Amino acid sequence: MSLKDQFDAAVAASKQLPERPDNMTLLKLYALFKQGSSGDVEGSRPGFTDMVGRAKWDAWNELKGTSQDEAMQSYVDLIESLKE
């Protein structure tokens, strides 16, 4: 199975986890998903009043420079660890 197929399967599995992950893990999942699917963050950081958008942007921005393949593999590994 290719990495892209594993990534797509992990995305589907993320919607059926036994428990909802904590907020920090959710941010990590979001950032890895965005980096894996879109590459480096683009656009400007959301304003101070958009705290959720800002946290997501910051988490994604921390992965700047990480290859899409590396991010996809990390996402797959994290989902696998959450399924246990």
Protein backbone atom coordinates (compact mmCIF):
# COMPACT_ATOMS: atom_id res chain seq x y z
CA MET A 1 0.00 0.00 0.00
CA SER A 2 1.42 3.39 -0.96
CA LEU A 3 2.00 6.12 1.61
CA LYS A 4 -0.85 8.15 0.07
CA ASP A 5 -3.22 5.17 0.49
CA GLN A 6 -2.08 4.72 4.11
CA PHE A 7 -2.60 8.45 4.71
CA ASP A 8 -6.11 8.36 3.23
CA ALA A 9 -6.95 5.30 5.36
CA ALA A 10 -5.63 7.08 8.47
CA VAL A 11 -7.78 10.13 7.69
CA ALA A 12 -10.85 7.87 7.51
CA ALA A 13 -9.78 6.08 10.73
CA SER A 14 -9.36 9.42 12.52
CA LYS A 15 -13.14 9.88 12.42
CA GLN A 16 -13.68 6.58 14.25
CA LEU A 17 -11.19 6.71 17.09
CA PRO A 18 -12.31 5.04 20.35
CA GLU A 19 -11.90 8.34 22.27
CA ARG A 20 -11.63 11.96 21.28
CA PRO A 21 -7.97 13.04 21.56
CA ASP A 22 -7.02 16.00 23.76
CA ASN A 23 -6.74 19.45 22.17
CA MET A 24 -2.94 19.35 21.79
CA THR A 25 -3.16 16.02 19.95
CA LEU A 26 -5.96 17.38 17.77
CA LEU A 27 -3.77 20.37 16.86
CA LYS A 28 -0.89 18.01 16.01
CA LEU A 29 -3.22 15.91 13.83
CA TYR A 30 -4.50 19.04 12.08
CA ALA A 31 -0.98 20.33 11.42
CA LEU A 32 0.28 16.98 10.13
CA PHE A 33 -2.79 16.61 7.92
CA LYS A 34 -2.37 20.08 6.42
CA GLN A 35 1.39 19.66 5.94
CA GLY A 36 0.89 16.23 4.39
CA SER A 37 -1.89 17.30 2.07
CA SER A 38 -0.96 20.92 1.24
CA GLY A 39 2.69 21.47 2.12
CA ASP A 40 4.00 24.52 3.98
CA VAL A 41 1.54 26.98 5.48
CA GLU A 42 0.57 29.92 3.29
CA GLY A 43 -1.11 33.20 4.02
CA SER A 44 -0.87 35.39 7.06
CA ARG A 45 -1.47 34.44 10.66
CA PRO A 46 -5.10 34.95 11.76
CA GLY A 47 -5.85 37.95 13.94
CA PHE A 48 -5.85 38.01 17.73
CA THR A 49 -9.62 37.57 17.94
CA ASP A 50 -9.51 34.24 16.05
CA MET A 51 -7.80 32.16 18.74
CA VAL A 52 -8.69 28.76 17.25
CA GLY A 53 -7.54 29.76 13.76
CA ARG A 54 -4.38 31.22 15.24
CA ALA A 55 -3.59 28.02 17.19
CA LYS A 56 -4.14 25.91 14.05
CA TRP A 57 -1.97 28.22 11.94
CA ASP A 58 0.80 28.19 14.56
CA ALA A 59 0.74 24.37 14.81
CA TRP A 60 0.92 24.05 11.02
CA ASN A 61 3.63 26.72 10.77
CA GLU A 62 5.82 24.75 13.22
CA LEU A 63 6.04 22.00 10.58
CA LYS A 64 7.33 24.38 7.88
CA GLY A 65 10.06 22.65 5.90
CA THR A 66 8.83 19.13 6.75
CA SER A 67 8.34 17.10 3.57
CA GLN A 68 4.80 16.06 2.69
CA ASP A 69 5.82 12.39 2.81
CA GLU A 70 7.33 12.82 6.27
CA ALA A 71 4.18 14.58 7.51
CA MET A 72 1.92 11.88 6.03
CA GLN A 73 3.96 9.13 7.70
CA SER A 74 3.85 10.96 11.06
CA TYR A 75 0.07 11.37 10.70
CA VAL A 76 -0.37 7.65 9.95
CA ASP A 77 1.83 6.71 12.95
CA LEU A 78 -0.05 9.05 15.31
CA ILE A 79 -3.47 7.72 14.24
CA GLU A 80 -2.21 4.14 14.71
CA SER A 81 -1.05 4.99 18.24
CA LEU A 82 -4.45 6.54 19.07
CA LYS A 83 -6.35 3.47 17.86
CA GLU A 84 -4.77 1.27 20.53
